[in-house]
């Protein structure tokens, strides 16, 4: 059995392709929206305020985080990764660089997040964990520990996907009639904590499958 098949023992069938295609569409949609926010002069109030308060940080975050989102979606597709190893390595380097820039700019903006300390702590901890999980995964790859590399990068990408879940929760909360400030305080945590818990469940499931 090859190393890749040992780490990911199940075949990549139609169900896996369907789930990955959904993820990629969501990633591209969020990335496209972020690009529009960067390029347009007609930004929504919350985005206009963000660019006014943090012009450099907002620009870095809105450019680099979507790059990480799309590159990471390509990385989690095992069929693409195992058949195009060189592409996987270069996408990995791009992903790490995008997280470093997107995470540090996100951390700098977290201190002034709308919603006060609750939002600031939620987004600040997200940025710190995003940087730490990505860095740990990169170090594991450099020392040749493929299983640890996979586990930490799955955690990292679960945090990257906060960009998607946040944009699902925000309009949903507004449709439900919640005030923006109250919803934002909760979403600062809800956009990433369940993602990370789901990643931990998936990692444990992968470990059980490889030892069965």
N, C-alpha and C. Protein backbone atom coordinates (compact mmCIF):
# COMPACT_ATOMS: atom_id res chain seq x y z
N UNK A 1 0.85 -1.20 0.00
CA UNK A 1 0.00 0.00 0.00
C UNK A 1 0.88 1.24 0.00
N UNK A 2 0.56 2.24 -0.85
CA UNK A 2 1.37 3.46 -0.92
C UNK A 2 1.15 4.30 0.32
N UNK A 3 2.08 5.24 0.55
CA UNK A 3 1.96 6.13 1.70
C UNK A 3 0.68 6.94 1.65
N UNK A 4 0.36 7.47 0.46
CA UNK A 4 -0.86 8.28 0.34
C UNK A 4 -2.09 7.46 0.65
N UNK A 5 -2.13 6.22 0.17
CA UNK A 5 -3.29 5.39 0.43
C UNK A 5 -3.35 4.96 1.88
N UNK A 6 -2.18 4.86 2.53
CA UNK A 6 -2.18 4.51 3.95
C UNK A 6 -2.74 5.65 4.79
N UNK A 7 -2.40 6.89 4.39
CA UNK A 7 -2.88 8.04 5.15
C UNK A 7 -4.36 8.27 4.88
N UNK A 8 -4.79 8.13 3.65
CA UNK A 8 -6.19 8.29 3.25
C UNK A 8 -6.64 6.96 2.64
N UNK A 9 -7.09 5.99 3.47
CA UNK A 9 -7.31 4.64 2.97
C UNK A 9 -8.55 4.43 2.13
N UNK A 10 -9.52 5.33 2.18
CA UNK A 10 -10.77 5.09 1.46
C UNK A 10 -10.67 5.60 0.04
N UNK A 11 -11.35 4.97 -0.93
CA UNK A 11 -11.30 5.41 -2.32
C UNK A 11 -12.01 6.75 -2.49
N UNK A 12 -11.60 7.49 -3.54
CA UNK A 12 -12.19 8.80 -3.82
C UNK A 12 -13.27 8.60 -4.87
N UNK A 13 -14.51 8.38 -4.42
CA UNK A 13 -15.61 8.06 -5.31
C UNK A 13 -16.50 9.25 -5.60
N UNK A 14 -17.66 9.00 -6.21
CA UNK A 14 -18.57 10.09 -6.60
C UNK A 14 -19.02 10.96 -5.42
N UNK A 15 -19.27 10.35 -4.27
CA UNK A 15 -19.70 11.14 -3.11
C UNK A 15 -18.62 12.12 -2.68
N UNK A 16 -17.36 11.65 -2.68
CA UNK A 16 -16.25 12.53 -2.31
C UNK A 16 -16.09 13.66 -3.32
N UNK A 17 -16.23 13.33 -4.61
CA UNK A 17 -16.14 14.37 -5.64
C UNK A 17 -17.27 15.39 -5.50
N UNK A 18 -18.46 14.92 -5.15
CA UNK A 18 -19.60 15.85 -4.98
C UNK A 18 -19.36 16.79 -3.81
N UNK A 19 -18.87 16.24 -2.69
CA UNK A 19 -18.59 17.09 -1.52
C UNK A 19 -17.48 18.09 -1.84
N UNK A 20 -16.44 17.62 -2.52
CA UNK A 20 -15.34 18.53 -2.84
C UNK A 20 -15.80 19.60 -3.83
N UNK A 21 -16.62 19.26 -4.81
CA UNK A 21 -17.12 20.24 -5.77
C UNK A 21 -17.93 21.32 -5.07
N UNK A 22 -18.74 20.92 -4.09
CA UNK A 22 -19.51 21.89 -3.31
C UNK A 22 -18.58 22.83 -2.56
N UNK A 23 -17.56 22.24 -1.93
CA UNK A 23 -16.57 23.05 -1.21
C UNK A 23 -15.88 24.03 -2.15
N UNK A 24 -15.48 23.56 -3.31
CA UNK A 24 -14.77 24.44 -4.25
C UNK A 24 -15.67 25.58 -4.73
N UNK A 25 -16.93 25.28 -5.00
CA UNK A 25 -17.86 26.34 -5.43
C UNK A 25 -18.03 27.39 -4.34
N UNK A 26 -18.14 26.94 -3.09
CA UNK A 26 -18.27 27.88 -1.98
C UNK A 26 -16.99 28.71 -1.83
N UNK A 27 -15.83 28.05 -1.96
CA UNK A 27 -14.55 28.76 -1.85
C UNK A 27 -14.42 29.80 -2.95
N UNK A 28 -14.76 29.44 -4.18
CA UNK A 28 -14.67 30.38 -5.29
C UNK A 28 -15.66 31.54 -5.11
N UNK A 29 -16.84 31.23 -4.59
CA UNK A 29 -17.84 32.28 -4.37
C UNK A 29 -17.36 33.30 -3.34
N UNK A 30 -16.83 32.80 -2.22
CA UNK A 30 -16.32 33.71 -1.18
C UNK A 30 -15.12 34.49 -1.70
N UNK A 31 -14.23 33.80 -2.43
CA UNK A 31 -13.05 34.47 -2.98
C UNK A 31 -13.46 35.57 -3.96
N UNK A 32 -14.45 35.28 -4.80
CA UNK A 32 -14.93 36.28 -5.75
C UNK A 32 -15.55 37.47 -5.06
N UNK A 33 -16.28 37.22 -3.98
CA UNK A 33 -16.89 38.32 -3.22
C UNK A 33 -15.80 39.19 -2.59
N UNK A 34 -14.76 38.55 -2.03
CA UNK A 34 -13.66 39.31 -1.43
C UNK A 34 -12.95 40.15 -2.48
N UNK A 35 -12.74 39.58 -3.66
CA UNK A 35 -12.10 40.34 -4.74
C UNK A 35 -12.95 41.54 -5.13
N UNK A 36 -14.26 41.35 -5.17
CA UNK A 36 -15.15 42.47 -5.49
C UNK A 36 -15.03 43.58 -4.44
N UNK A 37 -14.93 43.19 -3.15
CA UNK A 37 -14.78 44.19 -2.08
C UNK A 37 -13.49 44.97 -2.23
N UNK A 38 -12.44 44.31 -2.72
CA UNK A 38 -11.16 44.99 -2.92
C UNK A 38 -11.25 45.98 -4.07
N UNK A 39 -11.90 45.59 -5.15
CA UNK A 39 -11.88 46.37 -6.38
C UNK A 39 -12.96 47.43 -6.46
N UNK A 40 -14.09 47.22 -5.81
CA UNK A 40 -15.21 48.14 -5.97
C UNK A 40 -15.03 49.40 -5.12
N UNK A 41 -15.66 50.47 -5.55
CA UNK A 41 -15.72 51.69 -4.74
C UNK A 41 -17.06 51.81 -4.03
N UNK A 42 -17.94 50.84 -4.27
CA UNK A 42 -19.28 50.85 -3.69
C UNK A 42 -19.40 49.72 -2.68
N UNK A 43 -18.58 49.76 -1.63
CA UNK A 43 -18.56 48.69 -0.63
C UNK A 43 -19.72 48.84 0.35
N UNK A 44 -20.21 47.72 0.91
CA UNK A 44 -21.18 47.81 2.01
C UNK A 44 -20.57 48.56 3.19
N UNK A 45 -21.41 49.05 4.08
CA UNK A 45 -20.94 49.89 5.19
C UNK A 45 -19.88 49.20 6.04
N UNK A 46 -20.09 47.92 6.37
CA UNK A 46 -19.15 47.24 7.25
C UNK A 46 -17.78 47.11 6.58
N UNK A 47 -17.76 46.84 5.26
CA UNK A 47 -16.49 46.71 4.55
C UNK A 47 -15.83 48.07 4.37
N UNK A 48 -16.62 49.09 4.08
CA UNK A 48 -16.07 50.44 3.93
C UNK A 48 -15.42 50.89 5.23
N UNK A 49 -16.07 50.59 6.36
CA UNK A 49 -15.50 50.94 7.66
C UNK A 49 -14.22 50.19 7.94
N UNK A 50 -14.19 48.92 7.53
CA UNK A 50 -12.99 48.10 7.74
C UNK A 50 -11.81 48.65 6.95
N UNK A 51 -12.04 49.01 5.70
CA UNK A 51 -10.96 49.57 4.89
C UNK A 51 -10.54 50.95 5.38
N UNK A 52 -11.49 51.69 5.96
CA UNK A 52 -11.15 53.00 6.49
C UNK A 52 -10.28 52.89 7.74
N UNK A 53 -10.58 51.91 8.60
CA UNK A 53 -9.82 51.75 9.84
C UNK A 53 -8.49 51.05 9.63
N UNK A 54 -8.48 50.06 8.71
CA UNK A 54 -7.28 49.25 8.50
C UNK A 54 -7.02 49.12 6.99
N UNK A 55 -6.59 50.17 6.32
CA UNK A 55 -6.44 50.10 4.86
C UNK A 55 -5.48 49.03 4.39
N UNK A 56 -4.32 48.90 5.03
CA UNK A 56 -3.34 47.89 4.61
C UNK A 56 -3.77 46.51 5.07
N UNK A 57 -4.17 46.40 6.34
CA UNK A 57 -4.58 45.10 6.88
C UNK A 57 -5.77 44.53 6.14
N UNK A 58 -6.76 45.37 5.84
CA UNK A 58 -7.95 44.89 5.13
C UNK A 58 -7.59 44.41 3.73
N UNK A 59 -6.73 45.17 3.06
CA UNK A 59 -6.32 44.78 1.71
C UNK A 59 -5.59 43.44 1.73
N UNK A 60 -4.63 43.28 2.64
CA UNK A 60 -3.89 42.01 2.74
C UNK A 60 -4.84 40.86 3.06
N UNK A 61 -5.73 41.09 4.01
CA UNK A 61 -6.64 40.02 4.44
C UNK A 61 -7.60 39.63 3.33
N UNK A 62 -8.13 40.62 2.62
CA UNK A 62 -9.11 40.35 1.57
C UNK A 62 -8.48 39.72 0.33
N UNK A 63 -7.18 39.88 0.15
CA UNK A 63 -6.50 39.27 -0.99
C UNK A 63 -5.93 37.91 -0.62
N UNK A 64 -5.26 37.82 0.52
CA UNK A 64 -4.54 36.59 0.87
C UNK A 64 -5.44 35.49 1.40
N UNK A 65 -6.43 35.83 2.21
CA UNK A 65 -7.30 34.79 2.79
C UNK A 65 -8.07 34.04 1.71
N UNK A 66 -8.64 34.71 0.68
CA UNK A 66 -9.27 33.95 -0.40
C UNK A 66 -8.31 33.05 -1.18
N UNK A 67 -7.05 33.50 -1.32
CA UNK A 67 -6.05 32.65 -1.97
C UNK A 67 -5.86 31.37 -1.16
N UNK A 68 -5.77 31.50 0.17
CA UNK A 68 -5.65 30.33 1.03
C UNK A 68 -6.89 29.45 0.93
N UNK A 69 -8.05 30.05 0.83
CA UNK A 69 -9.29 29.30 0.75
C UNK A 69 -9.35 28.43 -0.49
N UNK A 70 -9.00 29.00 -1.64
CA UNK A 70 -9.05 28.25 -2.90
C UNK A 70 -7.91 27.26 -3.01
N UNK A 71 -6.69 27.69 -2.64
CA UNK A 71 -5.54 26.77 -2.69
C UNK A 71 -5.76 25.60 -1.75
N UNK A 72 -6.31 25.86 -0.57
CA UNK A 72 -6.56 24.79 0.38
C UNK A 72 -7.61 23.81 -0.11
N UNK A 73 -8.63 24.32 -0.81
CA UNK A 73 -9.64 23.42 -1.37
C UNK A 73 -9.03 22.46 -2.38
N UNK A 74 -8.08 22.95 -3.16
CA UNK A 74 -7.38 22.07 -4.11
C UNK A 74 -6.51 21.06 -3.37
N UNK A 75 -5.96 21.48 -2.23
CA UNK A 75 -5.08 20.60 -1.47
C UNK A 75 -5.82 19.44 -0.81
N UNK A 76 -7.05 19.65 -0.38
CA UNK A 76 -7.76 18.59 0.33
C UNK A 76 -8.32 17.53 -0.62
N UNK A 77 -8.25 17.78 -1.93
CA UNK A 77 -8.70 16.77 -2.89
C UNK A 77 -7.58 15.76 -3.08
N UNK A 78 -7.74 14.56 -2.52
CA UNK A 78 -6.68 13.56 -2.55
C UNK A 78 -6.37 13.09 -3.95
N UNK A 79 -7.38 13.02 -4.81
CA UNK A 79 -7.15 12.57 -6.18
C UNK A 79 -6.22 13.53 -6.93
N UNK A 80 -6.46 14.83 -6.75
CA UNK A 80 -5.59 15.83 -7.37
C UNK A 80 -4.21 15.79 -6.73
N UNK A 81 -4.18 15.69 -5.41
CA UNK A 81 -2.92 15.76 -4.69
C UNK A 81 -1.98 14.62 -5.02
N UNK A 82 -2.49 13.41 -5.10
CA UNK A 82 -1.63 12.26 -5.33
C UNK A 82 -1.20 12.13 -6.79
N UNK A 83 -1.99 12.66 -7.71
CA UNK A 83 -1.63 12.56 -9.13
C UNK A 83 -0.74 13.70 -9.60
N UNK A 84 -0.74 14.80 -8.86
CA UNK A 84 0.03 15.98 -9.27
C UNK A 84 0.83 16.46 -8.06
N UNK A 85 1.85 15.71 -7.71
CA UNK A 85 2.61 15.98 -6.49
C UNK A 85 3.31 17.33 -6.54
N UNK A 86 3.88 17.69 -7.70
CA UNK A 86 4.58 18.97 -7.81
C UNK A 86 3.61 20.13 -7.61
N UNK A 87 2.41 20.02 -8.21
CA UNK A 87 1.39 21.04 -8.02
C UNK A 87 1.00 21.14 -6.54
N UNK A 88 0.88 19.98 -5.89
CA UNK A 88 0.54 19.95 -4.47
C UNK A 88 1.58 20.71 -3.64
N UNK A 89 2.86 20.51 -3.96
CA UNK A 89 3.91 21.17 -3.19
C UNK A 89 3.89 22.68 -3.39
N UNK A 90 3.70 23.13 -4.63
CA UNK A 90 3.69 24.57 -4.87
C UNK A 90 2.42 25.22 -4.32
N UNK A 91 1.30 24.51 -4.41
CA UNK A 91 0.08 25.04 -3.80
C UNK A 91 0.23 25.11 -2.28
N UNK A 92 0.94 24.14 -1.72
CA UNK A 92 1.19 24.15 -0.28
C UNK A 92 1.99 25.36 0.14
N UNK A 93 3.03 25.68 -0.63
CA UNK A 93 3.82 26.88 -0.34
C UNK A 93 2.97 28.15 -0.46
N UNK A 94 2.15 28.20 -1.51
CA UNK A 94 1.26 29.36 -1.69
C UNK A 94 0.27 29.46 -0.53
N UNK A 95 -0.26 28.32 -0.10
CA UNK A 95 -1.22 28.30 1.00
C UNK A 95 -0.59 28.84 2.28
N UNK A 96 0.62 28.36 2.61
CA UNK A 96 1.29 28.79 3.83
C UNK A 96 1.56 30.29 3.79
N UNK A 97 2.06 30.78 2.67
CA UNK A 97 2.33 32.21 2.54
C UNK A 97 1.04 33.02 2.69
N UNK A 98 -0.04 32.56 2.06
CA UNK A 98 -1.31 33.28 2.14
C UNK A 98 -1.84 33.29 3.57
N UNK A 99 -1.67 32.19 4.30
CA UNK A 99 -2.12 32.14 5.70
C UNK A 99 -1.29 33.07 6.57
N UNK A 100 0.02 33.09 6.36
CA UNK A 100 0.88 33.98 7.15
C UNK A 100 0.45 35.44 6.98
N UNK A 101 0.24 35.85 5.74
CA UNK A 101 -0.16 37.24 5.48
C UNK A 101 -1.61 37.49 5.90
N UNK A 102 -2.50 36.55 5.56
CA UNK A 102 -3.90 36.71 5.93
C UNK A 102 -4.12 36.62 7.42
N UNK A 103 -3.37 35.74 8.09
CA UNK A 103 -3.52 35.57 9.53
C UNK A 103 -2.98 36.74 10.33
N UNK A 104 -1.81 37.23 9.95
CA UNK A 104 -1.24 38.36 10.68
C UNK A 104 -2.06 39.63 10.48
N UNK A 105 -2.55 39.85 9.26
CA UNK A 105 -3.40 41.02 9.03
C UNK A 105 -4.73 40.86 9.75
N UNK A 106 -5.26 39.63 9.78
CA UNK A 106 -6.50 39.39 10.52
C UNK A 106 -6.33 39.63 12.00
N UNK A 107 -5.18 39.24 12.54
CA UNK A 107 -4.92 39.45 13.97
C UNK A 107 -4.83 40.94 14.27
N UNK A 108 -4.20 41.69 13.39
CA UNK A 108 -4.09 43.14 13.63
C UNK A 108 -5.45 43.82 13.60
N UNK A 109 -6.37 43.31 12.77
CA UNK A 109 -7.70 43.92 12.68
C UNK A 109 -8.63 43.45 13.78
N UNK A 110 -8.34 42.29 14.39
CA UNK A 110 -9.24 41.72 15.39
C UNK A 110 -9.42 42.64 16.59
N UNK A 111 -8.37 43.39 16.94
CA UNK A 111 -8.45 44.25 18.12
C UNK A 111 -9.49 45.34 17.98
N UNK A 112 -9.82 45.70 16.74
CA UNK A 112 -10.84 46.73 16.53
C UNK A 112 -12.12 46.19 15.95
N UNK A 113 -12.37 44.91 16.14
CA UNK A 113 -13.56 44.28 15.54
C UNK A 113 -14.84 44.84 16.13
N UNK A 114 -15.86 44.95 15.28
CA UNK A 114 -17.18 45.37 15.77
C UNK A 114 -17.69 44.33 16.77
N UNK A 115 -18.40 44.81 17.78
CA UNK A 115 -18.92 43.91 18.79
C UNK A 115 -18.12 43.89 20.07
N UNK A 116 -17.04 44.67 20.10
CA UNK A 116 -16.28 44.80 21.33
C UNK A 116 -15.37 43.62 21.64
N UNK A 117 -15.03 43.44 22.93
CA UNK A 117 -14.06 42.41 23.32
C UNK A 117 -14.47 40.99 22.93
N UNK A 118 -15.75 40.68 22.96
CA UNK A 118 -16.19 39.32 22.60
C UNK A 118 -15.81 38.99 21.16
N UNK A 119 -16.08 39.91 20.25
CA UNK A 119 -15.70 39.71 18.85
C UNK A 119 -14.18 39.73 18.68
N UNK A 120 -13.53 40.65 19.38
CA UNK A 120 -12.07 40.76 19.26
C UNK A 120 -11.38 39.48 19.69
N UNK A 121 -11.81 38.91 20.81
CA UNK A 121 -11.22 37.66 21.28
C UNK A 121 -11.52 36.51 20.33
N UNK A 122 -12.74 36.46 19.81
CA UNK A 122 -13.10 35.38 18.89
C UNK A 122 -12.26 35.41 17.63
N UNK A 123 -12.19 36.56 16.98
CA UNK A 123 -11.42 36.67 15.74
C UNK A 123 -9.91 36.64 16.01
N UNK A 124 -9.49 37.19 17.15
CA UNK A 124 -8.07 37.15 17.48
C UNK A 124 -7.58 35.73 17.71
N UNK A 125 -8.36 34.94 18.46
CA UNK A 125 -7.97 33.55 18.70
C UNK A 125 -8.01 32.74 17.41
N UNK A 126 -8.97 33.03 16.55
CA UNK A 126 -9.02 32.38 15.24
C UNK A 126 -7.73 32.64 14.47
N UNK A 127 -7.28 33.88 14.43
CA UNK A 127 -6.06 34.22 13.69
C UNK A 127 -4.84 33.53 14.29
N UNK A 128 -4.74 33.51 15.62
CA UNK A 128 -3.59 32.87 16.26
C UNK A 128 -3.58 31.37 15.98
N UNK A 129 -4.72 30.72 16.11
CA UNK A 129 -4.78 29.26 15.86
C UNK A 129 -4.56 28.95 14.39
N UNK A 130 -5.01 29.82 13.52
CA UNK A 130 -4.80 29.63 12.08
C UNK A 130 -3.31 29.63 11.76
N UNK A 131 -2.59 30.59 12.35
CA UNK A 131 -1.15 30.66 12.14
C UNK A 131 -0.44 29.47 12.77
N UNK A 132 -0.84 29.08 13.99
CA UNK A 132 -0.17 28.00 14.70
C UNK A 132 -0.39 26.64 14.02
N UNK A 133 -1.63 26.35 13.62
CA UNK A 133 -1.89 25.06 12.99
C UNK A 133 -1.18 24.95 11.65
N UNK A 134 -1.17 26.04 10.90
CA UNK A 134 -0.48 26.04 9.60
C UNK A 134 1.02 25.89 9.78
N UNK A 135 1.58 26.62 10.73
CA UNK A 135 3.01 26.52 10.99
C UNK A 135 3.42 25.14 11.46
N UNK A 136 2.60 24.53 12.33
CA UNK A 136 2.90 23.19 12.82
C UNK A 136 2.82 22.17 11.69
N UNK A 137 1.82 22.34 10.82
CA UNK A 137 1.71 21.44 9.67
C UNK A 137 2.88 21.58 8.71
N UNK A 138 3.35 22.81 8.53
CA UNK A 138 4.50 23.04 7.66
C UNK A 138 5.76 22.40 8.24
N UNK A 139 5.97 22.54 9.54
CA UNK A 139 7.13 21.94 10.20
C UNK A 139 7.07 20.42 10.10
N UNK A 140 5.87 19.85 10.29
CA UNK A 140 5.72 18.39 10.18
C UNK A 140 6.06 17.91 8.78
N UNK A 141 5.68 18.68 7.77
CA UNK A 141 6.02 18.32 6.40
C UNK A 141 7.53 18.36 6.19
N UNK A 142 8.20 19.39 6.74
CA UNK A 142 9.64 19.53 6.56
C UNK A 142 10.42 18.39 7.21
N UNK A 143 9.89 17.84 8.30
CA UNK A 143 10.59 16.73 8.94
C UNK A 143 10.12 15.37 8.44
N UNK A 144 9.22 15.35 7.46
CA UNK A 144 8.81 14.12 6.81
C UNK A 144 7.72 13.34 7.51
N UNK A 145 7.02 13.95 8.46
CA UNK A 145 5.94 13.26 9.18
C UNK A 145 4.63 13.54 8.44
N UNK A 146 4.28 12.67 7.49
CA UNK A 146 3.14 12.94 6.62
C UNK A 146 1.81 12.89 7.36
N UNK A 147 1.69 11.99 8.34
CA UNK A 147 0.43 11.89 9.07
C UNK A 147 0.18 13.15 9.89
N UNK A 148 1.21 13.62 10.62
CA UNK A 148 1.07 14.85 11.40
C UNK A 148 0.82 16.04 10.47
N UNK A 149 1.50 16.05 9.32
CA UNK A 149 1.29 17.12 8.34
C UNK A 149 -0.17 17.16 7.89
N UNK A 150 -0.72 15.99 7.56
CA UNK A 150 -2.13 15.92 7.16
C UNK A 150 -3.04 16.42 8.28
N UNK A 151 -2.81 15.95 9.51
CA UNK A 151 -3.70 16.30 10.62
C UNK A 151 -3.70 17.80 10.88
N UNK A 152 -2.52 18.40 10.92
CA UNK A 152 -2.45 19.83 11.23
C UNK A 152 -2.97 20.68 10.09
N UNK A 153 -2.76 20.23 8.85
CA UNK A 153 -3.29 21.00 7.73
C UNK A 153 -4.81 20.87 7.63
N UNK A 154 -5.37 19.76 8.06
CA UNK A 154 -6.82 19.66 8.12
C UNK A 154 -7.37 20.63 9.16
N UNK A 155 -6.70 20.74 10.29
CA UNK A 155 -7.11 21.73 11.30
C UNK A 155 -6.98 23.14 10.73
N UNK A 156 -5.87 23.39 10.04
CA UNK A 156 -5.66 24.71 9.45
C UNK A 156 -6.76 25.05 8.46
N UNK A 157 -7.10 24.10 7.59
CA UNK A 157 -8.10 24.43 6.57
C UNK A 157 -9.50 24.55 7.18
N UNK A 158 -9.75 23.82 8.26
CA UNK A 158 -11.03 24.00 8.97
C UNK A 158 -11.17 25.45 9.44
N UNK A 159 -10.05 26.03 9.88
CA UNK A 159 -10.07 27.44 10.30
C UNK A 159 -10.15 28.37 9.10
N UNK A 160 -9.50 28.01 8.00
CA UNK A 160 -9.62 28.80 6.77
C UNK A 160 -11.09 28.89 6.33
N UNK A 161 -11.81 27.79 6.52
CA UNK A 161 -13.22 27.74 6.10
C UNK A 161 -14.12 28.63 6.94
N UNK A 162 -13.58 29.25 7.97
CA UNK A 162 -14.36 30.24 8.71
C UNK A 162 -14.84 31.35 7.77
N UNK A 163 -14.09 31.61 6.70
CA UNK A 163 -14.51 32.61 5.71
C UNK A 163 -15.83 32.22 5.06
N UNK A 164 -16.04 30.92 4.90
CA UNK A 164 -17.30 30.44 4.31
C UNK A 164 -18.42 30.45 5.34
N UNK A 165 -18.17 29.86 6.51
CA UNK A 165 -19.24 29.75 7.51
C UNK A 165 -19.68 31.13 8.01
N UNK A 166 -18.75 32.06 8.11
CA UNK A 166 -19.13 33.42 8.53
C UNK A 166 -20.13 34.01 7.55
N UNK A 167 -19.91 33.79 6.26
CA UNK A 167 -20.79 34.37 5.25
C UNK A 167 -22.08 33.59 5.07
N UNK A 168 -22.18 32.45 5.72
CA UNK A 168 -23.46 31.74 5.81
C UNK A 168 -24.24 32.25 7.02
N UNK A 169 -23.54 32.41 8.15
CA UNK A 169 -24.21 32.81 9.38
C UNK A 169 -24.68 34.26 9.36
N UNK A 170 -23.89 35.16 8.77
CA UNK A 170 -24.26 36.58 8.82
C UNK A 170 -25.61 36.87 8.16
N UNK A 171 -25.81 36.50 6.88
CA UNK A 171 -27.13 36.77 6.30
C UNK A 171 -28.24 35.98 6.98
N UNK A 172 -27.93 34.77 7.45
CA UNK A 172 -28.95 33.97 8.14
C UNK A 172 -29.41 34.67 9.41
N UNK A 173 -28.47 35.27 10.15
CA UNK A 173 -28.84 35.96 11.39
C UNK A 173 -29.66 37.21 11.09
N UNK A 174 -29.34 37.90 10.00
CA UNK A 174 -30.10 39.09 9.64
C UNK A 174 -31.50 38.72 9.18
N UNK A 175 -31.62 37.61 8.45
CA UNK A 175 -32.94 37.13 8.03
C UNK A 175 -33.78 36.75 9.25
N UNK A 176 -33.10 36.20 10.27
CA UNK A 176 -33.79 35.80 11.51
C UNK A 176 -34.19 37.00 12.37
N UNK A 177 -33.75 38.19 11.98
CA UNK A 177 -34.14 39.39 12.71
C UNK A 177 -33.20 39.77 13.85
N UNK A 178 -32.03 39.16 13.94
CA UNK A 178 -31.09 39.49 15.00
C UNK A 178 -30.35 40.78 14.65
N UNK A 179 -29.99 41.52 15.67
CA UNK A 179 -29.21 42.74 15.42
C UNK A 179 -27.81 42.35 14.98
N UNK A 180 -27.21 43.20 14.14
CA UNK A 180 -25.88 42.89 13.61
C UNK A 180 -24.86 42.73 14.72
N UNK A 181 -24.87 43.64 15.70
CA UNK A 181 -23.87 43.61 16.77
C UNK A 181 -23.96 42.32 17.57
N UNK A 182 -25.18 41.93 17.97
CA UNK A 182 -25.35 40.71 18.75
C UNK A 182 -24.95 39.48 17.94
N UNK A 183 -25.37 39.44 16.69
CA UNK A 183 -25.04 38.29 15.84
C UNK A 183 -23.54 38.20 15.61
N UNK A 184 -22.91 39.35 15.43
CA UNK A 184 -21.48 39.37 15.12
C UNK A 184 -20.66 38.84 16.28
N UNK A 185 -21.07 39.15 17.50
CA UNK A 185 -20.35 38.64 18.67
C UNK A 185 -20.39 37.11 18.70
N UNK A 186 -21.54 36.54 18.41
CA UNK A 186 -21.66 35.07 18.41
C UNK A 186 -20.93 34.46 17.22
N UNK A 187 -21.06 35.09 16.06
CA UNK A 187 -20.46 34.54 14.84
C UNK A 187 -18.94 34.58 14.90
N UNK A 188 -18.38 35.53 15.66
CA UNK A 188 -16.93 35.58 15.83
C UNK A 188 -16.37 34.28 16.38
N UNK A 189 -17.21 33.51 17.06
CA UNK A 189 -16.82 32.20 17.60
C UNK A 189 -17.43 31.06 16.79
N UNK A 190 -18.70 31.22 16.41
CA UNK A 190 -19.39 30.14 15.71
C UNK A 190 -18.83 29.87 14.31
N UNK A 191 -18.16 30.87 13.72
CA UNK A 191 -17.65 30.67 12.36
C UNK A 191 -16.47 29.71 12.31
N UNK A 192 -15.84 29.43 13.48
CA UNK A 192 -14.66 28.56 13.44
C UNK A 192 -14.62 27.44 14.48
N UNK A 193 -15.23 27.61 15.63
CA UNK A 193 -15.16 26.56 16.66
C UNK A 193 -15.80 25.25 16.18
N UNK A 194 -17.04 25.27 15.62
CA UNK A 194 -17.60 24.01 15.11
C UNK A 194 -16.75 23.40 13.98
N UNK A 195 -16.15 24.25 13.14
CA UNK A 195 -15.28 23.74 12.06
C UNK A 195 -14.11 22.95 12.64
N UNK A 196 -13.50 23.49 13.70
CA UNK A 196 -12.34 22.84 14.30
C UNK A 196 -12.75 21.54 14.98
N UNK A 197 -13.90 21.54 15.62
CA UNK A 197 -14.39 20.30 16.25
C UNK A 197 -14.66 19.23 15.19
N UNK A 198 -15.23 19.64 14.06
CA UNK A 198 -15.48 18.69 12.97
C UNK A 198 -14.17 18.14 12.42
N UNK A 199 -13.16 19.00 12.31
CA UNK A 199 -11.85 18.53 11.84
C UNK A 199 -11.26 17.51 12.80
N UNK A 200 -11.42 17.73 14.11
CA UNK A 200 -10.90 16.78 15.09
C UNK A 200 -11.61 15.43 14.95
N UNK A 201 -12.92 15.47 14.72
CA UNK A 201 -13.66 14.22 14.52
C UNK A 201 -13.16 13.49 13.28
N UNK A 202 -12.93 14.23 12.19
CA UNK A 202 -12.45 13.63 10.96
C UNK A 202 -11.06 13.03 11.14
N UNK A 203 -10.19 13.73 11.84
CA UNK A 203 -8.83 13.23 12.08
C UNK A 203 -8.87 11.92 12.87
N UNK A 204 -9.70 11.87 13.89
CA UNK A 204 -9.80 10.64 14.68
C UNK A 204 -10.39 9.49 13.85
N UNK A 205 -11.31 9.81 12.98
CA UNK A 205 -11.88 8.79 12.09
C UNK A 205 -10.82 8.27 11.13
N UNK A 206 -9.99 9.15 10.58
CA UNK A 206 -8.91 8.73 9.69
C UNK A 206 -7.91 7.85 10.42
N UNK A 207 -7.61 8.18 11.67
CA UNK A 207 -6.68 7.36 12.44
C UNK A 207 -7.26 5.97 12.71
N UNK A 208 -8.55 5.92 13.00
CA UNK A 208 -9.17 4.59 13.23
C UNK A 208 -9.14 3.76 11.96
N UNK A 209 -9.39 4.39 10.80
CA UNK A 209 -9.39 3.65 9.55
C UNK A 209 -8.00 3.12 9.18
N UNK A 210 -6.96 3.89 9.49
CA UNK A 210 -5.61 3.46 9.11
C UNK A 210 -5.06 2.39 10.05
N UNK A 211 -5.63 2.31 11.26
CA UNK A 211 -5.15 1.29 12.20
C UNK A 211 -6.04 0.06 12.23
N UNK A 212 -7.18 0.11 11.51
CA UNK A 212 -8.11 -1.03 11.52
C UNK A 212 -7.52 -2.22 10.77
